[in-house]
Amino acid sequence: MKFNVGTPDRIIRVVVGLVLIALAATHIVGVWGWIGVIPLLTGVFKFCPAYAIFGMSSCPMDKSNS
């Protein structure tokens, strides 16, 4: 699996995911808050299936291939 989520993107995904999960766990938001698992996992594993489908990447270019 090729990484396609860069560091700034990863940080945002993990933070948003954790916040949504925390809000859902404390019943501040409804069940939909558990959707935070998705950005959390994509941030942890550095891979986003949606990015792969659309051929996108937020990772910096590998300069060794130039």
N, C-alpha and C. Protein backbone atom coordinates (compact mmCIF):
# COMPACT_ATOMS: atom_id res chain seq x y z
N MET A 1 0.85 -1.17 0.00
CA MET A 1 0.00 0.00 0.00
C MET A 1 0.89 1.24 0.00
N LYS A 2 0.69 2.12 -0.95
CA LYS A 2 1.47 3.34 -1.08
C LYS A 2 0.84 4.43 -0.23
N PHE A 3 1.65 5.15 0.53
CA PHE A 3 1.13 6.25 1.36
C PHE A 3 0.65 7.38 0.47
N ASN A 4 -0.49 7.99 0.80
CA ASN A 4 -0.97 9.12 0.03
C ASN A 4 -1.51 10.24 0.92
N VAL A 5 -1.20 10.20 2.22
CA VAL A 5 -1.62 11.24 3.15
C VAL A 5 -0.37 11.83 3.79
N GLY A 6 -0.13 13.11 3.54
CA GLY A 6 1.05 13.80 4.06
C GLY A 6 0.89 14.18 5.53
N THR A 7 1.95 14.69 6.12
CA THR A 7 1.99 14.98 7.55
C THR A 7 0.95 16.01 8.00
N PRO A 8 0.83 17.18 7.36
CA PRO A 8 -0.18 18.13 7.82
C PRO A 8 -1.60 17.55 7.71
N ASP A 9 -1.86 16.86 6.63
CA ASP A 9 -3.15 16.21 6.40
C ASP A 9 -3.41 15.16 7.47
N ARG A 10 -2.37 14.40 7.81
CA ARG A 10 -2.48 13.36 8.85
C ARG A 10 -2.87 13.95 10.19
N ILE A 11 -2.19 15.02 10.57
CA ILE A 11 -2.44 15.66 11.86
C ILE A 11 -3.89 16.13 11.95
N ILE A 12 -4.37 16.77 10.88
CA ILE A 12 -5.75 17.26 10.86
C ILE A 12 -6.73 16.10 10.96
N ARG A 13 -6.48 15.04 10.21
CA ARG A 13 -7.39 13.88 10.23
C ARG A 13 -7.45 13.23 11.62
N VAL A 14 -6.30 13.05 12.26
CA VAL A 14 -6.26 12.41 13.58
C VAL A 14 -6.97 13.29 14.61
N VAL A 15 -6.71 14.59 14.59
CA VAL A 15 -7.34 15.49 15.56
C VAL A 15 -8.85 15.53 15.36
N VAL A 16 -9.30 15.69 14.11
CA VAL A 16 -10.74 15.73 13.83
C VAL A 16 -11.39 14.40 14.22
N GLY A 17 -10.75 13.31 13.89
CA GLY A 17 -11.29 12.00 14.24
C GLY A 17 -11.43 11.82 15.74
N LEU A 18 -10.40 12.18 16.48
CA LEU A 18 -10.45 12.04 17.94
C LEU A 18 -11.51 12.94 18.57
N VAL A 19 -11.64 14.16 18.05
CA VAL A 19 -12.66 15.08 18.57
C VAL A 19 -14.05 14.53 18.32
N LEU A 20 -14.32 14.06 17.11
CA LEU A 20 -15.64 13.50 16.80
C LEU A 20 -15.96 12.28 17.67
N ILE A 21 -14.98 11.41 17.84
CA ILE A 21 -15.19 10.22 18.67
C ILE A 21 -15.45 10.62 20.12
N ALA A 22 -14.70 11.58 20.62
CA ALA A 22 -14.89 12.04 22.00
C ALA A 22 -16.28 12.66 22.18
N LEU A 23 -16.71 13.45 21.21
CA LEU A 23 -18.04 14.06 21.28
C LEU A 23 -19.14 13.01 21.24
N ALA A 24 -18.95 11.98 20.43
CA ALA A 24 -19.95 10.90 20.35
C ALA A 24 -19.94 10.08 21.64
N ALA A 25 -18.78 9.83 22.18
CA ALA A 25 -18.68 9.01 23.39
C ALA A 25 -19.28 9.71 24.61
N THR A 26 -19.25 11.04 24.61
CA THR A 26 -19.81 11.80 25.74
C THR A 26 -21.24 12.25 25.46
N HIS A 27 -21.84 11.78 24.39
CA HIS A 27 -23.22 12.06 24.01
C HIS A 27 -23.49 13.54 23.73
N ILE A 28 -22.46 14.28 23.36
CA ILE A 28 -22.65 15.69 22.98
C ILE A 28 -23.23 15.76 21.58
N VAL A 29 -22.78 14.88 20.72
CA VAL A 29 -23.36 14.75 19.38
C VAL A 29 -23.98 13.36 19.28
N GLY A 30 -24.73 13.15 18.25
CA GLY A 30 -25.40 11.86 18.09
C GLY A 30 -24.44 10.76 17.64
N VAL A 31 -25.04 9.69 17.23
CA VAL A 31 -24.30 8.51 16.78
C VAL A 31 -23.41 8.83 15.58
N TRP A 32 -23.80 9.83 14.79
CA TRP A 32 -23.02 10.17 13.60
C TRP A 32 -21.58 10.58 13.96
N GLY A 33 -21.33 10.96 15.19
CA GLY A 33 -19.98 11.35 15.61
C GLY A 33 -18.97 10.21 15.50
N TRP A 34 -19.47 8.98 15.50
CA TRP A 34 -18.57 7.83 15.38
C TRP A 34 -17.96 7.75 13.99
N ILE A 35 -18.44 8.57 13.05
CA ILE A 35 -17.83 8.64 11.72
C ILE A 35 -16.37 9.12 11.84
N GLY A 36 -16.02 9.68 12.99
CA GLY A 36 -14.65 10.11 13.25
C GLY A 36 -13.64 8.99 13.20
N VAL A 37 -14.11 7.76 13.24
CA VAL A 37 -13.20 6.61 13.12
C VAL A 37 -12.53 6.62 11.74
N ILE A 38 -13.24 7.07 10.73
CA ILE A 38 -12.69 7.04 9.37
C ILE A 38 -11.51 7.99 9.22
N PRO A 39 -11.64 9.28 9.55
CA PRO A 39 -10.44 10.13 9.43
C PRO A 39 -9.31 9.71 10.37
N LEU A 40 -9.68 9.18 11.53
CA LEU A 40 -8.64 8.70 12.46
C LEU A 40 -7.83 7.58 11.83
N LEU A 41 -8.49 6.60 11.27
CA LEU A 41 -7.78 5.47 10.65
C LEU A 41 -6.98 5.88 9.42
N THR A 42 -7.55 6.77 8.59
CA THR A 42 -6.81 7.21 7.40
C THR A 42 -5.57 8.01 7.81
N GLY A 43 -5.65 8.74 8.91
CA GLY A 43 -4.49 9.47 9.40
C GLY A 43 -3.44 8.55 10.00
N VAL A 44 -3.87 7.56 10.74
CA VAL A 44 -2.94 6.62 11.38
C VAL A 44 -2.21 5.77 10.34
N PHE A 45 -2.94 5.29 9.34
CA PHE A 45 -2.34 4.41 8.33
C PHE A 45 -1.75 5.14 7.13
N LYS A 46 -1.86 6.47 7.10
CA LYS A 46 -1.30 7.31 6.03
C LYS A 46 -1.85 6.94 4.65
N PHE A 47 -3.04 6.38 4.61
CA PHE A 47 -3.63 5.96 3.34
C PHE A 47 -5.11 6.32 3.33
N CYS A 48 -5.54 6.99 2.26
CA CYS A 48 -6.94 7.35 2.11
C CYS A 48 -7.47 6.70 0.82
N PRO A 49 -8.43 5.80 0.93
CA PRO A 49 -8.98 5.15 -0.26
C PRO A 49 -9.58 6.14 -1.26
N ALA A 50 -10.20 7.20 -0.78
CA ALA A 50 -10.78 8.20 -1.69
C ALA A 50 -9.67 8.89 -2.50
N TYR A 51 -8.55 9.20 -1.86
CA TYR A 51 -7.42 9.78 -2.58
C TYR A 51 -6.94 8.81 -3.66
N ALA A 52 -6.87 7.54 -3.33
CA ALA A 52 -6.40 6.53 -4.29
C ALA A 52 -7.34 6.45 -5.49
N ILE A 53 -8.64 6.47 -5.25
CA ILE A 53 -9.62 6.39 -6.34
C ILE A 53 -9.47 7.57 -7.30
N PHE A 54 -9.27 8.77 -6.74
CA PHE A 54 -9.17 9.97 -7.58
C PHE A 54 -7.75 10.31 -7.98
N GLY A 55 -6.78 9.48 -7.62
CA GLY A 55 -5.39 9.71 -8.00
C GLY A 55 -4.75 10.89 -7.31
N MET A 56 -5.20 11.19 -6.12
CA MET A 56 -4.68 12.34 -5.38
C MET A 56 -3.66 11.89 -4.34
N SER A 57 -2.89 12.84 -3.84
CA SER A 57 -1.94 12.58 -2.77
C SER A 57 -1.57 13.89 -2.10
N SER A 58 -1.43 13.89 -0.79
CA SER A 58 -0.97 15.08 -0.09
C SER A 58 0.45 14.87 0.42
N CYS A 59 1.07 13.76 0.01
CA CYS A 59 2.46 13.48 0.36
C CYS A 59 3.38 14.31 -0.53
N PRO A 60 4.50 14.76 0.02
CA PRO A 60 5.45 15.48 -0.82
C PRO A 60 6.06 14.55 -1.87
N MET A 61 6.47 15.12 -2.97
CA MET A 61 7.07 14.35 -4.06
C MET A 61 8.41 13.78 -3.60
N ASP A 62 8.69 12.54 -4.00
CA ASP A 62 9.95 11.89 -3.70
C ASP A 62 11.00 12.41 -4.67
N LYS A 63 11.98 13.16 -4.18
CA LYS A 63 12.98 13.81 -5.03
C LYS A 63 14.00 12.81 -5.59
N SER A 64 14.06 11.60 -5.06
CA SER A 64 15.03 10.62 -5.55
C SER A 64 14.64 10.07 -6.91
N ASN A 65 13.38 10.21 -7.31
CA ASN A 65 12.94 9.73 -8.61
C ASN A 65 13.14 10.73 -9.73
N SER A 66 13.53 11.98 -9.39
CA SER A 66 13.68 13.02 -10.41
C SER A 66 14.97 12.90 -11.15
